[in-house]
């Protein structure tokens, strides 16, 4: 699979594993639902890898099935799950920390 050149703060902090790449993608687009093939493509994880761990995401309530179109089931993050809510908060905290930290570094360099 092709690797991303620009990793998110989430992946830089916690590592770059297939499970975390999928979670990172779903966090970034948590308002939308996607079929497994699209999740695999957009998160740069092979479809076969997703088939191994995705059932656990469903069983644990992190991801829910939203609808079925043709043969494809669509999934999205379960926004009612406390773990997911906290994961999104954590992602925003990491982003704010890193963005504000970068702005402060630039201010120091300008002075």
Protein backbone atom coordinates (compact mmCIF):
# COMPACT_ATOMS: atom_id res chain seq x y z
CA UNK A 1 0.00 0.00 0.00
CA UNK A 2 1.10 3.54 -0.66
CA UNK A 3 2.08 5.35 2.53
CA UNK A 4 0.95 8.82 3.48
CA UNK A 5 3.66 11.45 3.49
CA UNK A 6 1.89 13.74 5.96
CA UNK A 7 0.89 11.83 9.07
CA UNK A 8 -1.74 13.25 11.37
CA UNK A 9 -0.83 14.26 14.91
CA UNK A 10 -2.87 11.26 16.10
CA UNK A 11 -0.69 8.81 14.13
CA UNK A 12 2.53 10.59 15.08
CA UNK A 13 1.62 10.28 18.76
CA UNK A 14 0.27 6.71 18.89
CA UNK A 15 2.00 4.96 16.00
CA UNK A 16 1.16 3.98 12.47
CA UNK A 17 -0.69 0.66 12.58
CA UNK A 18 -3.53 -0.48 10.31
CA UNK A 19 -6.07 -0.26 13.16
CA UNK A 20 -4.99 3.26 14.08
CA UNK A 21 -4.98 4.38 10.44
CA UNK A 22 -8.59 3.21 10.09
CA UNK A 23 -9.60 4.94 13.34
CA UNK A 24 -7.76 8.09 12.24
CA UNK A 25 -9.64 8.14 8.94
CA UNK A 26 -13.00 7.53 10.61
CA UNK A 27 -12.31 10.24 13.22
CA UNK A 28 -11.48 12.74 10.50
CA UNK A 29 -14.70 12.00 8.64
CA UNK A 30 -16.98 10.93 11.50
CA UNK A 31 -20.06 12.60 10.00
CA UNK A 32 -20.07 10.25 7.01
CA UNK A 33 -20.45 6.52 6.45
CA UNK A 34 -18.31 4.42 4.12
CA UNK A 35 -18.12 0.88 2.74
CA UNK A 36 -15.15 -1.25 3.83
CA UNK A 37 -13.48 -0.89 0.43
CA UNK A 38 -13.50 2.91 0.70
CA UNK A 39 -12.27 2.82 4.31
CA UNK A 40 -9.40 0.56 3.21
CA UNK A 41 -8.50 2.79 0.28
CA UNK A 42 -8.64 6.09 2.17
CA UNK A 43 -6.77 4.83 5.23
CA UNK A 44 -4.07 3.08 3.14
CA UNK A 45 -4.79 -0.33 4.63
CA UNK A 46 -5.33 -3.48 2.60
CA UNK A 47 -8.87 -4.80 2.40
CA UNK A 48 -7.69 -8.18 3.72
CA UNK A 49 -6.19 -6.53 6.81
CA UNK A 50 -9.41 -4.66 7.54
CA UNK A 51 -11.42 -7.89 7.26
CA UNK A 52 -9.28 -9.30 10.10
CA UNK A 53 -9.82 -6.57 12.73
CA UNK A 54 -12.95 -4.69 11.63
CA UNK A 55 -15.38 -7.24 13.15
CA UNK A 56 -13.84 -6.44 16.54
CA UNK A 57 -14.55 -2.72 15.99
CA UNK A 58 -18.19 -3.61 15.30
CA UNK A 59 -18.46 -6.03 18.24
CA UNK A 60 -16.97 -3.51 20.67
CA UNK A 61 -19.36 -0.78 19.52
CA UNK A 62 -16.70 1.56 18.14
CA UNK A 63 -18.17 1.30 14.64
CA UNK A 64 -21.79 0.79 13.61
CA UNK A 65 -23.40 -0.37 10.40
CA UNK A 66 -25.54 2.46 9.04
CA UNK A 67 -27.04 1.10 5.83
CA UNK A 68 -26.66 -1.32 2.94
CA UNK A 69 -26.41 -0.27 -0.70
CA UNK A 70 -26.35 -3.18 -3.11
CA UNK A 71 -23.87 -5.66 -1.69
CA UNK A 72 -21.97 -3.06 0.35
CA UNK A 73 -22.52 -2.40 4.03
CA UNK A 74 -21.73 1.14 5.14
CA UNK A 75 -20.10 1.94 8.49
CA UNK A 76 -19.28 4.96 10.60
CA UNK A 77 -18.03 5.74 14.09
CA UNK A 78 -20.58 5.18 16.84
CA UNK A 79 -20.90 8.70 18.24
CA UNK A 80 -22.90 7.39 21.22
CA UNK A 81 -19.93 5.29 22.41
CA UNK A 82 -17.98 6.98 25.25
CA UNK A 83 -14.67 5.62 23.98
CA UNK A 84 -15.29 7.18 20.56
CA UNK A 85 -16.30 10.52 22.10
CA UNK A 86 -13.10 10.58 24.15
CA UNK A 87 -11.02 9.53 21.15
CA UNK A 88 -12.34 12.47 19.14
CA UNK A 89 -11.65 14.83 22.06
CA UNK A 90 -8.13 13.45 22.29
CA UNK A 91 -7.59 13.95 18.57
CA UNK A 92 -8.72 17.59 18.85
CA UNK A 93 -6.50 18.15 21.90
CA UNK A 94 -3.47 16.79 20.03
CA UNK A 95 -4.26 18.95 17.01
CA UNK A 96 -4.72 22.11 19.08
CA UNK A 97 -1.56 21.43 21.08
CA UNK A 98 0.54 20.90 17.98
CA UNK A 99 -0.96 23.78 15.99
CA UNK A 100 -0.66 26.26 18.86
CA UNK A 101 2.84 25.00 19.61
CA UNK A 102 3.84 25.56 15.99
CA UNK A 103 2.39 29.09 16.01
CA UNK A 104 4.31 29.96 19.20
CA UNK A 105 7.54 28.61 17.67
CA UNK A 106 6.98 30.77 14.59
CA UNK A 107 6.38 33.86 16.77
CA UNK A 108 9.68 33.24 18.54
CA UNK A 109 11.51 32.85 15.23
CA UNK A 110 10.02 36.10 13.90
CA UNK A 111 11.13 38.08 16.97
